[in-house]
Amino acid sequence: MHDATKGRKPASLPGELAAIDRHQSLGERAYASLKDSLIRGALRPGTKLTMRSVAQALHVSTTPARDAITRLIGEGALVNLGPKTVIVPQLTLAALDEITAIRLALEGLAAQKAAANVTPADIVELERLQERINQGLDESRYTEVLDANKDFHFLIYRRSGMVRLVIMIETLWLQIGPSFNDLYPEFAQSRTGVSNHMWALHGLQDGDAAAVRAAIENDIRSGYRHLSSLVE
Protein backbone atom coordinates (compact mmCIF):
# COMPACT_ATOMS: atom_id res chain seq x y z
CA MET A 1 0.00 0.00 0.00
CA HIS A 2 1.51 3.33 -1.03
CA ASP A 3 1.50 6.43 1.15
CA ALA A 4 -1.94 7.89 0.51
CA THR A 5 -0.74 11.45 1.31
CA LYS A 6 1.96 11.51 -1.38
CA GLY A 7 1.17 13.34 -4.57
CA ARG A 8 -1.91 14.98 -3.10
CA LYS A 9 -2.19 18.74 -2.84
CA PRO A 10 -3.37 19.56 0.69
CA ALA A 11 -6.79 21.15 0.84
CA SER A 12 -7.00 24.58 2.42
CA LEU A 13 -8.50 25.04 5.88
CA PRO A 14 -12.24 25.81 5.60
CA GLY A 15 -14.03 28.33 7.78
CA GLU A 16 -16.25 25.89 9.69
CA LEU A 17 -14.30 26.07 12.95
CA ALA A 18 -16.39 27.86 15.57
CA ALA A 19 -14.95 30.62 17.77
CA ILE A 20 -14.49 29.35 21.32
CA ASP A 21 -15.80 30.43 24.71
CA ARG A 22 -13.05 32.42 26.44
CA HIS A 23 -14.47 31.75 29.91
CA GLN A 24 -12.95 28.26 29.86
CA SER A 25 -9.36 27.11 29.35
CA LEU A 26 -8.37 28.28 25.88
CA GLY A 27 -6.22 25.22 25.28
CA GLU A 28 -9.00 22.84 26.26
CA ARG A 29 -11.62 24.73 24.26
CA ALA A 30 -9.39 24.92 21.20
CA TYR A 31 -8.79 21.18 21.42
CA ALA A 32 -12.51 20.44 21.88
CA SER A 33 -13.52 22.61 18.93
CA LEU A 34 -10.93 21.16 16.55
CA LYS A 35 -11.67 17.63 17.74
CA ASP A 36 -15.40 18.09 17.19
CA SER A 37 -14.80 19.42 13.67
CA LEU A 38 -12.79 16.29 12.83
CA ILE A 39 -15.42 13.95 14.30
CA ARG A 40 -18.20 15.68 12.36
CA GLY A 41 -16.30 15.51 9.09
CA ALA A 42 -16.07 19.31 8.80
CA LEU A 43 -12.41 18.86 7.85
CA ARG A 44 -11.73 16.59 4.89
CA PRO A 45 -8.71 14.28 4.50
CA GLY A 46 -5.86 16.31 3.06
CA THR A 47 -6.94 19.53 4.75
CA LYS A 48 -3.87 21.61 5.58
CA LEU A 49 -3.69 23.30 8.98
CA THR A 50 -1.17 25.76 10.30
CA MET A 51 -0.90 27.18 13.80
CA ARG A 52 -1.87 30.57 12.42
CA SER A 53 -4.89 29.39 10.43
CA VAL A 54 -6.30 27.42 13.37
CA ALA A 55 -5.66 30.32 15.77
CA GLN A 56 -7.45 32.73 13.44
CA ALA A 57 -10.41 30.39 12.95
CA LEU A 58 -10.80 29.91 16.71
CA HIS A 59 -10.07 33.57 17.59
CA VAL A 60 -7.22 32.65 19.92
CA SER A 61 -3.46 33.10 20.00
CA THR A 62 -1.13 30.53 18.50
CA THR A 63 -0.32 28.96 21.89
CA PRO A 64 -3.71 27.25 22.51
CA ALA A 65 -3.91 26.43 18.80
CA ARG A 66 -0.50 24.74 19.01
CA ASP A 67 -1.55 22.84 22.14
CA ALA A 68 -4.70 21.56 20.43
CA ILE A 69 -2.86 20.48 17.29
CA THR A 70 -0.11 18.77 19.30
CA ARG A 71 -2.67 16.75 21.26
CA LEU A 72 -4.46 15.67 18.09
CA ILE A 73 -1.18 14.64 16.46
CA GLY A 74 -0.54 12.47 19.49
CA GLU A 75 -3.98 10.88 19.09
CA GLY A 76 -3.35 10.10 15.41
CA ALA A 77 -6.02 12.49 14.14
CA LEU A 78 -3.45 14.79 12.48
CA VAL A 79 0.00 14.19 10.99
CA ASN A 80 3.04 16.42 10.54
CA LEU A 81 3.62 17.68 7.01
CA GLY A 82 6.42 20.11 7.84
CA PRO A 83 7.85 22.30 10.60
CA LYS A 84 4.76 24.51 10.80
CA THR A 85 2.10 22.53 8.95
CA VAL A 86 0.02 19.44 9.63
CA ILE A 87 -2.72 17.76 7.61
CA VAL A 88 -5.78 15.63 8.18
CA PRO A 89 -4.45 12.23 7.01
CA GLN A 90 -5.89 9.93 4.40
CA LEU A 91 -7.00 6.54 5.71
CA THR A 92 -5.03 3.47 4.72
CA LEU A 93 -6.88 0.20 4.19
CA ALA A 94 -5.17 -1.34 7.22
CA ALA A 95 -6.33 1.54 9.43
CA LEU A 96 -9.86 1.38 8.00
CA ASP A 97 -10.05 -2.38 8.64
CA GLU A 98 -8.90 -1.99 12.25
CA ILE A 99 -11.15 0.99 13.02
CA THR A 100 -14.17 -0.72 11.49
CA ALA A 101 -13.66 -3.92 13.48
CA ILE A 102 -13.50 -1.94 16.72
CA ARG A 103 -16.47 0.25 15.72
CA LEU A 104 -18.64 -2.80 15.16
CA ALA A 105 -17.87 -4.05 18.67
CA LEU A 106 -18.15 -0.76 20.53
CA GLU A 107 -20.92 1.02 18.63
CA GLY A 108 -22.92 -2.17 18.41
CA LEU A 109 -22.73 -2.53 22.19
CA ALA A 110 -23.69 1.11 22.77
CA ALA A 111 -26.68 0.81 20.45
CA GLN A 112 -27.82 -2.39 22.12
CA LYS A 113 -27.66 -0.85 25.59
CA ALA A 114 -29.43 2.30 24.43
CA ALA A 115 -32.62 0.45 23.54
CA ALA A 116 -33.63 0.21 27.20
CA ASN A 117 -32.98 3.87 27.96
CA VAL A 118 -34.33 6.01 25.12
CA THR A 119 -37.27 8.27 25.90
CA PRO A 120 -40.14 9.50 23.70
CA ALA A 121 -38.32 12.84 23.54
CA ASP A 122 -35.23 11.05 22.24
CA ILE A 123 -37.27 9.43 19.47
CA VAL A 124 -38.67 12.83 18.46
CA GLU A 125 -35.15 14.28 18.34
CA LEU A 126 -33.83 11.35 16.30
CA GLU A 127 -36.69 11.80 13.83
CA ARG A 128 -35.85 15.51 13.57
CA LEU A 129 -32.20 14.72 12.93
CA GLN A 130 -33.15 12.18 10.29
CA GLU A 131 -35.28 14.80 8.56
CA ARG A 132 -32.25 17.09 8.51
CA ILE A 133 -30.25 14.27 6.93
CA ASN A 134 -32.94 13.64 4.31
CA GLN A 135 -33.19 17.30 3.38
CA GLY A 136 -29.42 17.59 3.18
CA LEU A 137 -29.26 14.59 0.85
CA ASP A 138 -32.05 16.01 -1.34
CA GLU A 139 -30.21 19.33 -1.66
CA SER A 140 -26.65 17.92 -1.88
CA ARG A 141 -25.67 19.69 1.36
CA TYR A 142 -23.38 16.95 2.59
CA THR A 143 -21.75 18.98 5.37
CA GLU A 144 -25.23 19.30 6.90
CA VAL A 145 -25.76 15.56 6.44
CA LEU A 146 -22.52 14.70 8.22
CA ASP A 147 -23.30 17.09 11.06
CA ALA A 148 -26.76 15.61 11.67
CA ASN A 149 -25.45 12.07 11.21
CA LYS A 150 -22.93 12.56 14.02
CA ASP A 151 -25.65 13.89 16.33
CA PHE A 152 -27.98 11.00 15.39
CA HIS A 153 -25.42 8.33 16.25
CA PHE A 154 -24.12 9.89 19.43
CA LEU A 155 -27.59 10.58 20.83
CA ILE A 156 -28.11 6.82 20.65
CA TYR A 157 -24.68 6.00 22.04
CA ARG A 158 -25.05 8.36 25.00
CA ARG A 159 -28.29 6.61 25.97
CA SER A 160 -26.22 3.49 26.65
CA GLY A 161 -25.37 5.16 29.95
CA MET A 162 -21.75 4.04 29.49
CA VAL A 163 -19.64 7.20 29.55
CA ARG A 164 -16.30 5.49 28.99
CA LEU A 165 -17.69 3.58 26.03
CA VAL A 166 -18.85 6.82 24.38
CA ILE A 167 -15.40 8.36 24.87
CA MET A 168 -13.80 5.37 23.13
CA ILE A 169 -16.25 5.69 20.23
CA GLU A 170 -15.40 9.40 19.92
CA THR A 171 -11.73 8.43 19.58
CA LEU A 172 -12.57 6.18 16.63
CA TRP A 173 -14.69 8.84 14.94
CA LEU A 174 -11.86 11.32 15.41
CA GLN A 175 -9.81 9.25 12.98
CA ILE A 176 -12.51 8.18 10.54
CA GLY A 177 -14.86 11.19 10.61
CA PRO A 178 -13.02 13.19 7.91
CA SER A 179 -13.25 10.22 5.51
CA PHE A 180 -17.04 10.16 5.80
CA ASN A 181 -16.94 12.94 3.21
CA ASP A 182 -15.98 10.29 0.66
CA LEU A 183 -19.33 8.49 1.13
CA TYR A 184 -21.05 11.19 -0.92
CA PRO A 185 -22.66 11.58 -3.37
CA GLU A 186 -22.97 7.76 -3.63
CA PHE A 187 -24.83 7.48 -0.31
CA ALA A 188 -27.14 10.30 -1.36
CA GLN A 189 -28.18 8.25 -4.38
CA SER A 190 -28.50 4.84 -2.71
CA ARG A 191 -29.95 6.15 0.59
CA THR A 192 -28.36 3.14 2.29
CA GLY A 193 -27.66 5.14 5.42
CA VAL A 194 -31.25 6.35 5.57
CA SER A 195 -32.51 2.78 5.51
CA ASN A 196 -30.15 1.76 8.31
CA HIS A 197 -31.20 4.73 10.43
CA MET A 198 -34.88 3.95 9.98
CA TRP A 199 -34.33 0.37 11.11
CA ALA A 200 -32.52 1.69 14.18
CA LEU A 201 -35.42 4.04 14.91
CA HIS A 202 -37.97 1.23 14.60
CA GLY A 203 -35.88 -0.93 16.93
CA LEU A 204 -35.67 1.86 19.51
CA GLN A 205 -39.41 2.45 19.34
CA ASP A 206 -40.04 -1.27 19.88
CA GLY A 207 -37.39 -1.63 22.58
CA ASP A 208 -35.72 -4.30 20.42
CA ALA A 209 -32.06 -4.15 21.44
CA ALA A 210 -30.93 -6.76 18.90
CA ALA A 211 -32.60 -4.89 16.05
CA VAL A 212 -30.98 -1.59 17.05
CA ARG A 213 -27.56 -3.21 17.25
CA ALA A 214 -28.01 -4.89 13.86
CA ALA A 215 -29.09 -1.61 12.24
CA ILE A 216 -26.05 0.29 13.53
CA GLU A 217 -23.70 -2.53 12.56
CA ASN A 218 -25.22 -2.56 9.06
CA ASP A 219 -24.67 1.19 8.85
CA ILE A 220 -21.00 0.74 9.74
CA ARG A 221 -20.56 -2.09 7.23
CA SER A 222 -22.25 -0.07 4.47
CA GLY A 223 -19.79 2.77 4.97
CA TYR A 224 -16.88 0.36 5.14
CA ARG A 225 -17.71 -1.27 1.81
CA HIS A 226 -17.70 2.06 0.02
CA LEU A 227 -14.66 3.53 1.76
CA SER A 228 -12.58 0.37 1.33
CA SER A 229 -13.22 0.34 -2.42
CA LEU A 230 -12.01 3.94 -2.64
CA VAL A 231 -8.87 3.27 -0.59
CA GLU A 232 -7.97 0.23 -2.69
C-alpha atoms as a PDB file:
ATOM      1  CA  MET A   1       0.000   0.000   0.000  1.00  0.00           C
ATOM      2  CA  HIS A   2       1.513   3.325  -1.026  1.00  0.00           C
ATOM      3  CA  ASP A   3       1.500   6.431   1.154  1.00  0.00           C
ATOM      4  CA  ALA A   4      -1.940   7.890   0.514  1.00  0.00           C
ATOM      5  CA  THR A   5      -0.741  11.446   1.310  1.00  0.00           C
ATOM      6  CA  LYS A   6       1.956  11.512  -1.382  1.00  0.00           C
ATOM      7  CA  GLY A   7       1.166  13.338  -4.575  1.00  0.00           C
ATOM      8  CA  ARG A   8      -1.910  14.978  -3.104  1.00  0.00           C
ATOM      9  CA  LYS A   9      -2.191  18.743  -2.844  1.00  0.00           C
ATOM     10  CA  PRO A  10      -3.369  19.558   0.691  1.00  0.00           C
ATOM     11  CA  ALA A  11      -6.786  21.151   0.836  1.00  0.00           C
ATOM     12  CA  SER A  12      -7.003  24.580   2.422  1.00  0.00           C
ATOM     13  CA  LEU A  13      -8.500  25.038   5.880  1.00  0.00           C
ATOM     14  CA  PRO A  14     -12.239  25.806   5.604  1.00  0.00           C
ATOM     15  CA  GLY A  15     -14.026  28.325   7.781  1.00  0.00           C
ATOM     16  CA  GLU A  16     -16.253  25.886   9.692  1.00  0.00           C
ATOM     17  CA  LEU A  17     -14.305  26.071  12.952  1.00  0.00           C
ATOM     18  CA  ALA A  18     -16.388  27.865  15.573  1.00  0.00           C
ATOM     19  CA  ALA A  19     -14.946  30.616  17.765  1.00  0.00           C
ATOM     20  CA  ILE A  20     -14.491  29.352  21.315  1.00  0.00           C
ATOM     21  CA  ASP A  21     -15.798  30.434  24.709  1.00  0.00           C
ATOM     22  CA  ARG A  22     -13.052  32.419  26.438  1.00  0.00           C
ATOM     23  CA  HIS A  23     -14.473  31.753  29.905  1.00  0.00           C
ATOM     24  CA  GLN A  24     -12.953  28.265  29.856  1.00  0.00           C
ATOM     25  CA  SER A  25      -9.365  27.107  29.349  1.00  0.00           C
ATOM     26  CA  LEU A  26      -8.366  28.278  25.876  1.00  0.00           C
ATOM     27  CA  GLY A  27      -6.219  25.224  25.277  1.00  0.00           C
ATOM     28  CA  GLU A  28      -9.004  22.837  26.258  1.00  0.00           C
ATOM     29  CA  ARG A  29     -11.618  24.726  24.263  1.00  0.00           C
ATOM     30  CA  ALA A  30      -9.386  24.918  21.196  1.00  0.00           C
ATOM     31  CA  TYR A  31      -8.792  21.182  21.422  1.00  0.00           C
ATOM     32  CA  ALA A  32     -12.509  20.441  21.885  1.00  0.00           C
ATOM     33  CA  SER A  33     -13.517  22.613  18.928  1.00  0.00           C
ATOM     34  CA  LEU A  34     -10.928  21.160  16.554  1.00  0.00           C
ATOM     35  CA  LYS A  35     -11.674  17.627  17.741  1.00  0.00           C
ATOM     36  CA  ASP A  36     -15.402  18.095  17.187  1.00  0.00           C
ATOM     37  CA  SER A  37     -14.796  19.418  13.669  1.00  0.00           C
ATOM     38  CA  LEU A  38     -12.794  16.289  12.834  1.00  0.00           C
ATOM     39  CA  ILE A  39     -15.419  13.953  14.301  1.00  0.00           C
ATOM     40  CA  ARG A  40     -18.203  15.677  12.362  1.00  0.00           C
ATOM     41  CA  GLY A  41     -16.296  15.512   9.095  1.00  0.00           C
ATOM     42  CA  ALA A  42     -16.074  19.315   8.799  1.00  0.00           C
ATOM     43  CA  LEU A  43     -12.407  18.860   7.850  1.00  0.00           C
ATOM     44  CA  ARG A  44     -11.730  16.594   4.893  1.00  0.00           C
ATOM     45  CA  PRO A  45      -8.714  14.280   4.497  1.00  0.00           C
ATOM     46  CA  GLY A  46      -5.859  16.305   3.060  1.00  0.00           C
ATOM     47  CA  THR A  47      -6.942  19.525   4.745  1.00  0.00           C
ATOM     48  CA  LYS A  48      -3.873  21.613   5.581  1.00  0.00           C
ATOM     49  CA  LEU A  49      -3.690  23.295   8.981  1.00  0.00           C
ATOM     50  CA  THR A  50      -1.167  25.759  10.299  1.00  0.00           C
ATOM     51  CA  MET A  51      -0.897  27.175  13.799  1.00  0.00           C
ATOM     52  CA  ARG A  52      -1.866  30.575  12.421  1.00  0.00           C
ATOM     53  CA  SER A  53      -4.895  29.385  10.427  1.00  0.00           C
ATOM     54  CA  VAL A  54      -6.299  27.417  13.374  1.00  0.00           C
ATOM     55  CA  ALA A  55      -5.664  30.317  15.771  1.00  0.00           C
ATOM     56  CA  GLN A  56      -7.453  32.733  13.441  1.00  0.00           C
ATOM     57  CA  ALA A  57     -10.411  30.387  12.947  1.00  0.00           C
ATOM     58  CA  LEU A  58     -10.802  29.914  16.709  1.00  0.00           C
ATOM     59  CA  HIS A  59     -10.074  33.571  17.586  1.00  0.00           C
ATOM     60  CA  VAL A  60      -7.225  32.652  19.918  1.00  0.00           C
ATOM     61  CA  SER A  61      -3.463  33.100  20.005  1.00  0.00           C
ATOM     62  CA  THR A  62      -1.131  30.529  18.501  1.00  0.00           C
ATOM     63  CA  THR A  63      -0.322  28.965  21.892  1.00  0.00           C
ATOM     64  CA  PRO A  64      -3.708  27.252  22.512  1.00  0.00           C
ATOM     65  CA  ALA A  65      -3.907  26.429  18.802  1.00  0.00           C
ATOM     66  CA  ARG A  66      -0.504  24.741  19.012  1.00  0.00           C
ATOM     67  CA  ASP A  67      -1.546  22.840  22.141  1.00  0.00           C
ATOM     68  CA  ALA A  68      -4.700  21.555  20.427  1.00  0.00           C
ATOM     69  CA  ILE A  69      -2.862  20.481  17.289  1.00  0.00           C
ATOM     70  CA  THR A  70      -0.111  18.771  19.296  1.00  0.00           C
ATOM     71  CA  ARG A  71      -2.670  16.752  21.264  1.00  0.00           C
ATOM     72  CA  LEU A  72      -4.461  15.670  18.094  1.00  0.00           C
ATOM     73  CA  ILE A  73      -1.181  14.636  16.458  1.00  0.00           C
ATOM     74  CA  GLY A  74      -0.537  12.466  19.494  1.00  0.00           C
ATOM     75  CA  GLU A  75      -3.982  10.879  19.091  1.00  0.00           C
ATOM     76  CA  GLY A  76      -3.352  10.098  15.414  1.00  0.00           C
ATOM     77  CA  ALA A  77      -6.015  12.490  14.138  1.00  0.00           C
ATOM     78  CA  LEU A  78      -3.454  14.793  12.478  1.00  0.00           C
ATOM     79  CA  VAL A  79       0.003  14.186  10.993  1.00  0.00           C
ATOM     80  CA  ASN A  80       3.036  16.416  10.539  1.00  0.00           C
ATOM     81  CA  LEU A  81       3.616  17.683   7.014  1.00  0.00           C
ATOM     82  CA  GLY A  82       6.418  20.105   7.840  1.00  0.00           C
ATOM     83  CA  PRO A  83       7.851  22.300  10.597  1.00  0.00           C
ATOM     84  CA  LYS A  84       4.757  24.514  10.804  1.00  0.00           C
ATOM     85  CA  THR A  85       2.098  22.532   8.947  1.00  0.00           C
ATOM     86  CA  VAL A  86       0.016  19.444   9.632  1.00  0.00           C
ATOM     87  CA  ILE A  87      -2.718  17.763   7.606  1.00  0.00           C
ATOM     88  CA  VAL A  88      -5.784  15.630   8.176  1.00  0.00           C
ATOM     89  CA  PRO A  89      -4.453  12.232   7.009  1.00  0.00           C
ATOM     90  CA  GLN A  90      -5.890   9.933   4.398  1.00  0.00           C
ATOM     91  CA  LEU A  91      -6.998   6.535   5.711  1.00  0.00           C
ATOM     92  CA  THR A  92      -5.027   3.472   4.719  1.00  0.00           C
ATOM     93  CA  LEU A  93      -6.877   0.202   4.189  1.00  0.00           C
ATOM     94  CA  ALA A  94      -5.173  -1.339   7.224  1.00  0.00           C
ATOM     95  CA  ALA A  95      -6.328   1.538   9.432  1.00  0.00           C
ATOM     96  CA  LEU A  96      -9.858   1.377   8.002  1.00  0.00           C
ATOM     97  CA  ASP A  97     -10.045  -2.382   8.644  1.00  0.00           C
ATOM     98  CA  GLU A  98      -8.900  -1.991  12.245  1.00  0.00           C
ATOM     99  CA  ILE A  99     -11.152   0.989  13.020  1.00  0.00           C
ATOM    100  CA  THR A 100     -14.175  -0.722  11.488  1.00  0.00           C
ATOM    101  CA  ALA A 101     -13.657  -3.917  13.480  1.00  0.00           C
ATOM    102  CA  ILE A 102     -13.501  -1.937  16.718  1.00  0.00           C
ATOM    103  CA  ARG A 103     -16.465   0.251  15.725  1.00  0.00           C
ATOM    104  CA  LEU A 104     -18.636  -2.803  15.161  1.00  0.00           C
ATOM    105  CA  ALA A 105     -17.872  -4.046  18.668  1.00  0.00           C
ATOM    106  CA  LEU A 106     -18.151  -0.755  20.532  1.00  0.00           C
ATOM    107  CA  GLU A 107     -20.917   1.018  18.635  1.00  0.00           C
ATOM    108  CA  GLY A 108     -22.922  -2.171  18.410  1.00  0.00           C
ATOM    109  CA  LEU A 109     -22.727  -2.527  22.190  1.00  0.00           C
ATOM    110  CA  ALA A 110     -23.688   1.111  22.775  1.00  0.00           C
ATOM    111  CA  ALA A 111     -26.679   0.809  20.449  1.00  0.00           C
ATOM    112  CA  GLN A 112     -27.816  -2.395  22.123  1.00  0.00           C
ATOM    113  CA  LYS A 113     -27.656  -0.849  25.595  1.00  0.00           C
ATOM    114  CA  ALA A 114     -29.435   2.303  24.432  1.00  0.00           C
ATOM    115  CA  ALA A 115     -32.625   0.449  23.545  1.00  0.00           C
ATOM    116  CA  ALA A 116     -33.627   0.207  27.197  1.00  0.00           C
ATOM    117  CA  ASN A 117     -32.976   3.871  27.960  1.00  0.00           C
ATOM    118  CA  VAL A 118     -34.334   6.011  25.121  1.00  0.00           C
ATOM    119  CA  THR A 119     -37.273   8.269  25.898  1.00  0.00           C
ATOM    120  CA  PRO A 120     -40.141   9.497  23.695  1.00  0.00           C
ATOM    121  CA  ALA A 121     -38.316  12.838  23.540  1.00  0.00           C
ATOM    122  CA  ASP A 122     -35.226  11.050  22.239  1.00  0.00           C
ATOM    123  CA  ILE A 123     -37.272   9.434  19.469  1.00  0.00           C
ATOM    124  CA  VAL A 124     -38.666  12.826  18.464  1.00  0.00           C
ATOM    125  CA  GLU A 125     -35.151  14.280  18.343  1.00  0.00           C
ATOM    126  CA  LEU A 126     -33.835  11.350  16.302  1.00  0.00           C
ATOM    127  CA  GLU A 127     -36.689  11.803  13.830  1.00  0.00           C
ATOM    128  CA  ARG A 128     -35.853  15.513  13.574  1.00  0.00           C
ATOM    129  CA  LEU A 129     -32.199  14.719  12.935  1.00  0.00           C
ATOM    130  CA  GLN A 130     -33.151  12.176  10.292  1.00  0.00           C
ATOM    131  CA  GLU A 131     -35.284  14.795   8.565  1.00  0.00           C
ATOM    132  CA  ARG A 132     -32.245  17.090   8.512  1.00  0.00           C
ATOM    133  CA  ILE A 133     -30.252  14.273   6.929  1.00  0.00           C
ATOM    134  CA  ASN A 134     -32.940  13.638   4.312  1.00  0.00           C
ATOM    135  CA  GLN A 135     -33.192  17.298   3.376  1.00  0.00           C
ATOM    136  CA  GLY A 136     -29.418  17.591   3.175  1.00  0.00           C
ATOM    137  CA  LEU A 137     -29.256  14.591   0.848  1.00  0.00           C
ATOM    138  CA  ASP A 138     -32.047  16.006  -1.340  1.00  0.00           C
ATOM    139  CA  GLU A 139     -30.210  19.329  -1.659  1.00  0.00           C
ATOM    140  CA  SER A 140     -26.649  17.920  -1.883  1.00  0.00           C
ATOM    141  CA  ARG A 141     -25.668  19.687   1.359  1.00  0.00           C
ATOM    142  CA  TYR A 142     -23.384  16.954   2.587  1.00  0.00           C
ATOM    143  CA  THR A 143     -21.755  18.981   5.373  1.00  0.00           C
ATOM    144  CA  GLU A 144     -25.227  19.297   6.899  1.00  0.00           C
ATOM    145  CA  VAL A 145     -25.763  15.564   6.441  1.00  0.00           C
ATOM    146  CA  LEU A 146     -22.516  14.698   8.218  1.00  0.00           C
ATOM    147  CA  ASP A 147     -23.297  17.087  11.061  1.00  0.00           C
ATOM    148  CA  ALA A 148     -26.758  15.609  11.674  1.00  0.00           C
ATOM    149  CA  ASN A 149     -25.452  12.067  11.210  1.00  0.00           C
ATOM    150  CA  LYS A 150     -22.932  12.559  14.018  1.00  0.00           C
ATOM    151  CA  ASP A 151     -25.655  13.886  16.329  1.00  0.00           C
ATOM    152  CA  PHE A 152     -27.981  10.997  15.394  1.00  0.00           C
ATOM    153  CA  HIS A 153     -25.421   8.333  16.248  1.00  0.00           C
ATOM    154  CA  PHE A 154     -24.125   9.893  19.427  1.00  0.00           C
ATOM    155  CA  LEU A 155     -27.586  10.580  20.833  1.00  0.00           C
ATOM    156  CA  ILE A 156     -28.110   6.819  20.648  1.00  0.00           C
ATOM    157  CA  TYR A 157     -24.677   5.995  22.045  1.00  0.00           C
ATOM    158  CA  ARG A 158     -25.046   8.357  25.005  1.00  0.00           C
ATOM    159  CA  ARG A 159     -28.285   6.607  25.968  1.00  0.00           C
ATOM    160  CA  SER A 160     -26.222   3.489  26.647  1.00  0.00           C
ATOM    161  CA  GLY A 161     -25.370   5.156  29.950  1.00  0.00           C
ATOM    162  CA  MET A 162     -21.746   4.042  29.491  1.00  0.00           C
ATOM    163  CA  VAL A 163     -19.638   7.195  29.551  1.00  0.00           C
ATOM    164  CA  ARG A 164     -16.296   5.488  28.986  1.00  0.00           C
ATOM    165  CA  LEU A 165     -17.692   3.584  26.029  1.00  0.00           C
ATOM    166  CA  VAL A 166     -18.855   6.819  24.379  1.00  0.00           C
ATOM    167  CA  ILE A 167     -15.399   8.355  24.871  1.00  0.00           C
ATOM    168  CA  MET A 168     -13.801   5.366  23.132  1.00  0.00           C
ATOM    169  CA  ILE A 169     -16.246   5.690  20.234  1.00  0.00           C
ATOM    170  CA  GLU A 170     -15.397   9.396  19.916  1.00  0.00           C
ATOM    171  CA  THR A 171     -11.726   8.434  19.578  1.00  0.00           C
ATOM    172  CA  LEU A 172     -12.573   6.183  16.634  1.00  0.00           C
ATOM    173  CA  TRP A 173     -14.691   8.838  14.940  1.00  0.00           C
ATOM    174  CA  LEU A 174     -11.865  11.318  15.413  1.00  0.00           C
ATOM    175  CA  GLN A 175      -9.811   9.254  12.979  1.00  0.00           C
ATOM    176  CA  ILE A 176     -12.509   8.182  10.540  1.00  0.00           C
ATOM    177  CA  GLY A 177     -14.859  11.190  10.612  1.00  0.00           C
ATOM    178  CA  PRO A 178     -13.024  13.189   7.908  1.00  0.00           C
ATOM    179  CA  SER A 179     -13.247  10.216   5.514  1.00  0.00           C
ATOM    180  CA  PHE A 180     -17.043  10.157   5.797  1.00  0.00           C
ATOM    181  CA  ASN A 181     -16.940  12.945   3.206  1.00  0.00           C
ATOM    182  CA  ASP A 182     -15.983  10.288   0.658  1.00  0.00           C
ATOM    183  CA  LEU A 183     -19.325   8.494   1.133  1.00  0.00           C
ATOM    184  CA  TYR A 184     -21.049  11.188  -0.915  1.00  0.00           C
ATOM    185  CA  PRO A 185     -22.656  11.580  -3.371  1.00  0.00           C
ATOM    186  CA  GLU A 186     -22.974   7.761  -3.631  1.00  0.00           C
ATOM    187  CA  PHE A 187     -24.825   7.479  -0.305  1.00  0.00           C
ATOM    188  CA  ALA A 188     -27.138  10.297  -1.359  1.00  0.00           C
ATOM    189  CA  GLN A 189     -28.178   8.247  -4.376  1.00  0.00           C
ATOM    190  CA  SER A 190     -28.503   4.839  -2.709  1.00  0.00           C
ATOM    191  CA  ARG A 191     -29.953   6.149   0.595  1.00  0.00           C
ATOM    192  CA  THR A 192     -28.358   3.135   2.291  1.00  0.00           C
ATOM    193  CA  GLY A 193     -27.661   5.140   5.424  1.00  0.00           C
ATOM    194  CA  VAL A 194     -31.254   6.355   5.574  1.00  0.00           C
ATOM    195  CA  SER A 195     -32.511   2.784   5.509  1.00  0.00           C
ATOM    196  CA  ASN A 196     -30.152   1.765   8.312  1.00  0.00           C
ATOM    197  CA  HIS A 197     -31.202   4.732  10.433  1.00  0.00           C
ATOM    198  CA  MET A 198     -34.878   3.952   9.976  1.00  0.00           C
ATOM    199  CA  TRP A 199     -34.327   0.367  11.106  1.00  0.00           C
ATOM    200  CA  ALA A 200     -32.521   1.694  14.177  1.00  0.00           C
ATOM    201  CA  LEU A 201     -35.421   4.039  14.911  1.00  0.00           C
ATOM    202  CA  HIS A 202     -37.965   1.232  14.605  1.00  0.00           C
ATOM    203  CA  GLY A 203     -35.881  -0.930  16.930  1.00  0.00           C
ATOM    204  CA  LEU A 204     -35.667   1.856  19.513  1.00  0.00           C
ATOM    205  CA  GLN A 205     -39.415   2.454  19.338  1.00  0.00           C
ATOM    206  CA  ASP A 206     -40.041  -1.271  19.882  1.00  0.00           C
ATOM    207  CA  GLY A 207     -37.393  -1.631  22.585  1.00  0.00           C
ATOM    208  CA  ASP A 208     -35.722  -4.297  20.420  1.00  0.00           C
ATOM    209  CA  ALA A 209     -32.062  -4.153  21.439  1.00  0.00           C
ATOM    210  CA  ALA A 210     -30.934  -6.762  18.903  1.00  0.00           C
ATOM    211  CA  ALA A 211     -32.601  -4.890  16.049  1.00  0.00           C
ATOM    212  CA  VAL A 212     -30.980  -1.588  17.048  1.00  0.00           C
ATOM    213  CA  ARG A 213     -27.562  -3.207  17.246  1.00  0.00           C
ATOM    214  CA  ALA A 214     -28.014  -4.890  13.862  1.00  0.00           C
ATOM    215  CA  ALA A 215     -29.085  -1.609  12.239  1.00  0.00           C
ATOM    216  CA  ILE A 216     -26.052   0.291  13.533  1.00  0.00           C
ATOM    217  CA  GLU A 217     -23.699  -2.526  12.563  1.00  0.00           C
ATOM    218  CA  ASN A 218     -25.218  -2.560   9.062  1.00  0.00           C
ATOM    219  CA  ASP A 219     -24.668   1.187   8.849  1.00  0.00           C
ATOM    220  CA  ILE A 220     -21.001   0.745   9.738  1.00  0.00           C
ATOM    221  CA  ARG A 221     -20.564  -2.089   7.231  1.00  0.00           C
ATOM    222  CA  SER A 222     -22.247  -0.074   4.470  1.00  0.00           C
ATOM    223  CA  GLY A 223     -19.791   2.767   4.969  1.00  0.00           C
ATOM    224  CA  TYR A 224     -16.879   0.356   5.138  1.00  0.00           C
ATOM    225  CA  ARG A 225     -17.714  -1.274   1.806  1.00  0.00           C
ATOM    226  CA  HIS A 226     -17.702   2.061   0.019  1.00  0.00           C
ATOM    227  CA  LEU A 227     -14.662   3.530   1.758  1.00  0.00           C
ATOM    228  CA  SER A 228     -12.582   0.374   1.331  1.00  0.00           C
ATOM    229  CA  SER A 229     -13.219   0.338  -2.421  1.00  0.00           C
ATOM    230  CA  LEU A 230     -12.005   3.941  -2.643  1.00  0.00           C
ATOM    231  CA  VAL A 231      -8.867   3.267  -0.590  1.00  0.00           C
ATOM    232  CA  GLU A 232      -7.975   0.227  -2.686  1.00  0.00           C
END
